[in-house]
Amino acid sequence: MPYLDAYTSSSDFRVGFAEATISNTYGTIASVETKSKLLDKFGTNVDLDAADGAVVVSSLGTNVARPTTNSITHIVGASGDTVDVQCEGHYLDASGNLIFHVQTQTLTEDTPVALDQPLARSSRLKVLGSTAATGPVQTTIGSGGTAVCEVPAGDNQSQKCETSISYRDYWVILNFGAAILVRKSAEVLFRLEVASPGGLWYPLTRDWVLTDANPRAEFPQQTPIIVPANSDVRITSDVEGSTNDVQVTAHMDGYLAIDLDLVDADDPAPA
């Protein structure tokens, strides 16, 4: 149940405050307790260059497309990869809503495999079982097209500090942060930002800069940041100056809250 009428009924005042804010701002009665799901998104870029500009913190090292159709259709590994991979993402319905979807696909080495359900967003990939992938493992727009999410070679899960929030959920961000992993005499500007599907990116808080002298920062939120339903959210990094090959990491975490009117609703069909 939501904590709208009694913040003290929650062990964390921020939960009740967030639910009240969602109600007052969006007219939705949402519940963290009913959803009971923590969402932690993180990413690492080991090759951030000055010429890259502001890019999402991910192993791909570039901003990825946000298709307006379900055009993320394939997953592909490297030679020798025949493992199962869990694919988390969202498809779009006929009304443009983001619908959360999880599927498992078996790689056929470096031959692209069609997803059972094409997606408009690919937010997390995880190698299942006891055998690691050689990698990289990527979901792509079309067969052999542009990669939108990746398990880096030598890893077993994607590194992408960007995600999407479904039409029935809100994300209550309680903490976020970033770090420069290897000192390179660099200044790096970070930004936490949000966008609606097909819309522009807007900052959710003030930008922050990390340097060799101050290489990491954490921002626990006394008043949580609310990411509304049907949104994309990410942390970007941008090298200030001319330094190259900077290694950075970033994360954001918090609780999901579900619209109580949609708890038992069937997922809409894909567009």
Protein backbone atom coordinates (compact mmCIF):
# COMPACT_ATOMS: atom_id res chain seq x y z
CA MET A 1 0.00 0.00 0.00
CA PRO A 2 1.17 3.58 -0.53
CA TYR A 3 2.35 5.81 2.30
CA LEU A 4 0.45 8.93 1.30
CA ASP A 5 -1.30 9.45 4.60
CA ALA A 6 1.40 8.40 7.04
CA TYR A 7 5.02 8.86 6.09
CA THR A 8 6.08 7.39 9.42
CA SER A 9 4.54 4.03 8.45
CA SER A 10 7.61 3.59 6.23
CA SER A 11 11.07 3.06 7.69
CA ASP A 12 12.32 5.55 5.08
CA PHE A 13 10.66 8.98 5.03
CA ARG A 14 11.84 9.43 1.45
CA VAL A 15 9.52 6.65 0.24
CA GLY A 16 6.41 8.34 1.56
CA PHE A 17 7.58 11.72 0.30
CA ALA A 18 8.17 10.22 -3.16
CA GLU A 19 4.72 8.62 -3.31
CA ALA A 20 3.09 11.90 -2.25
CA THR A 21 5.09 13.76 -4.89
CA ILE A 22 4.01 11.31 -7.60
CA SER A 23 0.38 11.78 -6.54
CA ASN A 24 0.60 15.58 -6.46
CA THR A 25 2.63 15.92 -9.68
CA TYR A 26 1.20 13.20 -11.92
CA GLY A 27 -2.15 12.38 -10.30
CA THR A 28 -1.10 8.75 -9.84
CA ILE A 29 -1.37 6.68 -6.67
CA ALA A 30 1.83 4.64 -6.78
CA SER A 31 3.32 2.19 -4.28
CA VAL A 32 6.92 1.21 -3.61
CA GLU A 33 5.81 -1.59 -1.28
CA THR A 34 3.51 -3.18 -3.87
CA LYS A 35 6.26 -3.09 -6.53
CA SER A 36 9.00 -4.25 -4.12
CA LYS A 37 11.82 -3.84 -6.62
CA LEU A 38 15.19 -2.13 -6.34
CA LEU A 39 16.70 -0.82 -9.59
CA ASP A 40 20.46 -0.21 -9.76
CA LYS A 41 21.91 0.93 -13.10
CA PHE A 42 25.63 1.30 -13.66
CA GLY A 43 28.09 1.63 -16.48
CA THR A 44 31.80 1.99 -17.27
CA ASN A 45 33.58 3.58 -20.21
CA VAL A 46 37.28 2.73 -20.43
CA ASP A 47 38.01 4.96 -23.43
CA LEU A 48 36.43 8.39 -23.01
CA ASP A 49 38.04 10.97 -25.32
CA ALA A 50 37.71 14.74 -25.51
CA ALA A 51 36.29 14.49 -29.04
CA ASP A 52 33.46 12.21 -27.89
CA GLY A 53 31.47 15.04 -26.31
CA ALA A 54 28.78 14.19 -23.77
CA VAL A 55 28.11 10.44 -24.06
CA VAL A 56 26.30 7.97 -21.84
CA VAL A 57 28.60 6.11 -19.45
CA SER A 58 28.67 2.67 -21.08
CA SER A 59 31.07 0.16 -22.58
CA LEU A 60 29.91 1.17 -26.07
CA GLY A 61 31.39 4.63 -25.51
CA THR A 62 28.70 6.41 -27.52
CA ASN A 63 25.12 7.59 -27.25
CA VAL A 64 22.75 4.90 -28.47
CA ALA A 65 19.65 5.26 -30.60
CA ARG A 66 16.20 5.41 -28.98
CA PRO A 67 14.04 3.95 -31.78
CA THR A 68 10.45 5.06 -32.23
CA THR A 69 9.58 1.55 -33.45
CA ASN A 70 10.44 -1.93 -32.21
CA SER A 71 13.52 -2.10 -34.42
CA ILE A 72 16.01 -3.71 -32.00
CA THR A 73 15.61 -7.14 -33.51
CA HIS A 74 18.79 -9.19 -33.04
CA ILE A 75 21.49 -10.30 -30.62
CA VAL A 76 24.95 -11.46 -31.62
CA GLY A 77 28.04 -12.83 -29.90
CA ALA A 78 31.56 -13.72 -30.93
CA SER A 79 33.03 -16.88 -32.43
CA GLY A 80 32.50 -19.77 -30.03
CA ASP A 81 29.65 -18.13 -28.09
CA THR A 82 26.68 -20.49 -27.68
CA VAL A 83 25.54 -19.38 -24.21
CA ASP A 84 22.11 -18.21 -23.10
CA VAL A 85 21.73 -14.47 -22.59
CA GLN A 86 18.93 -12.76 -20.68
CA CYS A 87 17.77 -9.61 -22.45
CA GLU A 88 15.91 -6.90 -20.51
CA GLY A 89 14.30 -4.05 -22.37
CA HIS A 90 11.07 -2.44 -23.49
CA TYR A 91 8.88 -2.61 -26.56
CA LEU A 92 6.47 0.07 -27.72
CA ASP A 93 2.73 -0.50 -27.93
CA ALA A 94 0.39 1.21 -30.40
CA SER A 95 0.02 4.20 -28.06
CA GLY A 96 3.76 4.73 -27.73
CA ASN A 97 3.96 3.29 -24.21
CA LEU A 98 7.13 1.54 -23.03
CA ILE A 99 6.34 -2.05 -21.96
CA PHE A 100 8.98 -3.88 -19.90
CA HIS A 101 9.95 -7.26 -21.34
CA VAL A 102 12.47 -9.99 -20.45
CA GLN A 103 13.51 -12.76 -22.84
CA THR A 104 16.31 -15.31 -23.08
CA GLN A 105 18.13 -16.03 -26.32
CA THR A 106 20.77 -18.65 -27.17
CA LEU A 107 23.72 -17.27 -29.10
CA THR A 108 24.86 -18.94 -32.31
CA GLU A 109 28.41 -17.58 -32.20
CA ASP A 110 28.83 -14.54 -34.46
CA THR A 111 25.65 -15.22 -36.43
CA PRO A 112 22.86 -12.78 -35.42
CA VAL A 113 19.88 -14.37 -33.63
CA ALA A 114 16.40 -12.83 -33.98
CA LEU A 115 14.83 -11.73 -30.71
CA ASP A 116 11.53 -13.44 -29.87
CA GLN A 117 10.13 -9.99 -29.16
CA PRO A 118 11.68 -7.04 -31.01
CA LEU A 119 12.37 -4.08 -28.73
CA ALA A 120 12.57 -0.30 -28.77
CA ARG A 121 14.95 -0.22 -25.78
CA SER A 122 17.65 -2.68 -24.68
CA SER A 123 18.80 -1.85 -21.16
CA ARG A 124 20.52 -4.93 -19.69
CA LEU A 125 22.15 -8.11 -20.99
CA LYS A 126 23.25 -10.92 -18.69
CA VAL A 127 25.06 -14.16 -19.60
CA LEU A 128 23.32 -17.09 -17.88
CA GLY A 129 24.68 -20.44 -16.72
CA SER A 130 28.24 -21.41 -15.80
CA THR A 131 30.03 -20.67 -19.08
CA ALA A 132 31.25 -17.16 -19.86
CA ALA A 133 30.85 -15.60 -23.27
CA THR A 134 33.91 -14.63 -25.26
CA GLY A 135 32.12 -11.45 -26.27
CA PRO A 136 31.35 -8.85 -26.96
CA VAL A 137 27.63 -9.70 -26.94
CA GLN A 138 25.41 -7.02 -28.46
CA THR A 139 21.78 -6.30 -29.23
CA THR A 140 21.43 -4.47 -32.53
CA ILE A 141 19.02 -2.51 -34.67
CA GLY A 142 18.38 -5.00 -37.43
CA SER A 143 20.65 -7.93 -38.24
CA GLY A 144 24.23 -6.69 -38.16
CA GLY A 145 23.12 -3.12 -37.46
CA THR A 146 24.05 -0.55 -34.84
CA ALA A 147 24.64 -1.89 -31.32
CA VAL A 148 22.48 -0.46 -28.53
CA CYS A 149 23.57 -2.60 -25.55
CA GLU A 150 26.66 -4.70 -24.93
CA VAL A 151 28.28 -7.25 -22.67
CA PRO A 152 31.97 -6.32 -23.07
CA ALA A 153 34.49 -9.01 -23.92
CA GLY A 154 35.65 -10.66 -20.70
CA ASP A 155 32.53 -9.65 -18.76
CA ASN A 156 29.19 -11.38 -18.07
CA GLN A 157 26.80 -8.42 -17.85
CA SER A 158 26.28 -5.19 -19.71
CA GLN A 159 27.77 -1.90 -18.51
CA LYS A 160 25.25 0.78 -19.46
CA CYS A 161 24.23 3.63 -17.16
CA GLU A 162 21.00 4.24 -19.05
CA THR A 163 17.60 2.66 -18.66
CA SER A 164 13.91 3.16 -19.36
CA ILE A 165 10.90 3.25 -17.07
CA SER A 166 7.72 1.50 -18.19
CA TYR A 167 4.27 3.02 -18.57
CA ARG A 168 3.15 1.60 -15.22
CA ASP A 169 6.19 2.48 -13.07
CA TYR A 170 7.99 5.44 -11.52
CA TRP A 171 11.62 5.39 -10.38
CA VAL A 172 12.48 6.89 -7.01
CA ILE A 173 16.22 7.63 -7.29
CA LEU A 174 17.80 7.67 -3.83
CA ASN A 175 21.46 7.82 -4.78
CA PHE A 176 23.71 8.43 -7.78
CA GLY A 177 27.38 9.02 -8.34
CA ALA A 178 30.40 8.70 -10.59
CA ALA A 179 34.17 8.28 -10.52
CA ILE A 180 37.30 8.66 -12.62
CA LEU A 181 38.88 5.21 -12.43
CA VAL A 182 42.37 6.01 -13.73
CA ARG A 183 43.93 9.43 -13.21
CA LYS A 184 44.72 11.18 -16.50
CA SER A 185 44.97 14.85 -15.47
CA ALA A 186 41.41 15.13 -16.67
CA GLU A 187 38.32 17.11 -15.74
CA VAL A 188 35.10 15.25 -16.52
CA LEU A 189 31.62 16.78 -16.40
CA PHE A 190 28.77 14.41 -15.51
CA ARG A 191 25.02 14.91 -15.97
CA LEU A 192 21.94 12.96 -14.84
CA GLU A 193 19.15 13.52 -17.35
CA VAL A 194 15.72 12.31 -18.46
CA ALA A 195 13.73 12.22 -21.69
CA SER A 196 10.33 11.05 -22.84
CA PRO A 197 10.35 8.58 -25.78
CA GLY A 198 11.32 10.59 -28.83
CA GLY A 199 11.76 13.73 -26.71
CA LEU A 200 14.72 15.90 -25.76
CA TRP A 201 17.04 15.20 -22.82
CA TYR A 202 16.68 17.44 -19.74
CA PRO A 203 18.89 17.53 -16.63
CA LEU A 204 17.36 16.16 -13.42
CA THR A 205 19.87 17.89 -11.16
CA ARG A 206 22.94 20.11 -11.35
CA ASP A 207 25.95 18.89 -13.32
CA TRP A 208 29.08 17.92 -11.40
CA VAL A 209 32.77 17.84 -12.31
CA LEU A 210 35.37 15.31 -11.17
CA THR A 211 39.14 15.78 -11.35
CA ASP A 212 42.32 13.97 -10.36
CA ALA A 213 42.14 15.79 -7.02
CA ASN A 214 38.48 14.88 -6.56
CA PRO A 215 38.00 11.67 -8.60
CA ARG A 216 34.72 10.38 -7.16
CA ALA A 217 31.42 11.68 -5.82
CA GLU A 218 28.26 10.17 -4.29
CA PHE A 219 24.97 12.03 -4.02
CA PRO A 220 22.55 10.37 -1.57
CA GLN A 221 19.21 12.13 -1.91
CA GLN A 222 17.40 13.41 1.17
CA THR A 223 14.53 14.36 -1.12
CA PRO A 224 14.41 11.69 -3.86
CA ILE A 225 14.47 12.36 -7.59
CA ILE A 226 11.38 11.08 -9.40
CA VAL A 227 11.67 9.67 -12.91
CA PRO A 228 8.14 9.54 -14.38
CA ALA A 229 6.54 6.66 -16.22
CA ASN A 230 7.39 6.27 -19.92
CA SER A 231 10.82 7.86 -19.58
CA ASP A 232 14.45 7.26 -20.52
CA VAL A 233 17.12 8.19 -17.97
CA ARG A 234 20.91 8.18 -18.13
CA ILE A 235 24.19 9.62 -16.83
CA THR A 236 26.54 11.15 -19.39
CA SER A 237 30.22 12.10 -19.13
CA ASP A 238 32.13 14.76 -21.05
CA VAL A 239 35.90 15.37 -20.90
CA GLU A 240 36.72 19.06 -20.43
CA GLY A 241 39.90 19.94 -22.35
CA SER A 242 41.96 17.70 -24.60
CA THR A 243 42.63 14.59 -22.50
CA ASN A 244 41.94 11.17 -24.06
CA ASP A 245 41.61 7.57 -22.85
CA VAL A 246 39.89 8.51 -19.59
CA GLN A 247 38.22 5.66 -17.69
CA VAL A 248 34.97 6.59 -15.94
CA THR A 249 32.13 4.85 -14.17
CA ALA A 250 28.70 5.99 -12.96
CA HIS A 251 25.63 4.57 -11.23
CA MET A 252 22.10 5.48 -10.12
CA ASP A 253 19.88 3.45 -7.83
CA GLY A 254 16.54 3.55 -6.07
CA TYR A 255 13.11 1.95 -5.74
CA LEU A 256 10.46 1.41 -8.38
CA ALA A 257 6.89 2.41 -7.55
CA ILE A 258 3.95 0.96 -9.49
CA ASP A 259 0.72 2.72 -10.50
CA LEU A 260 -1.86 0.91 -8.38
CA ASP A 261 -4.47 1.24 -11.15
CA LEU A 262 -2.19 -0.84 -13.41
CA VAL A 263 -1.01 -3.57 -11.02
CA ASP A 264 -3.21 -6.26 -12.55
CA ALA A 265 -3.35 -4.86 -16.08
CA ASP A 266 -2.25 -7.14 -18.91
CA ASP A 267 0.70 -5.87 -20.92
CA PRO A 268 -0.49 -4.20 -24.14
CA ALA A 269 0.44 -5.86 -27.41
CA PRO A 270 3.44 -4.57 -29.34
CA ALA A 271 2.84 -1.98 -32.04
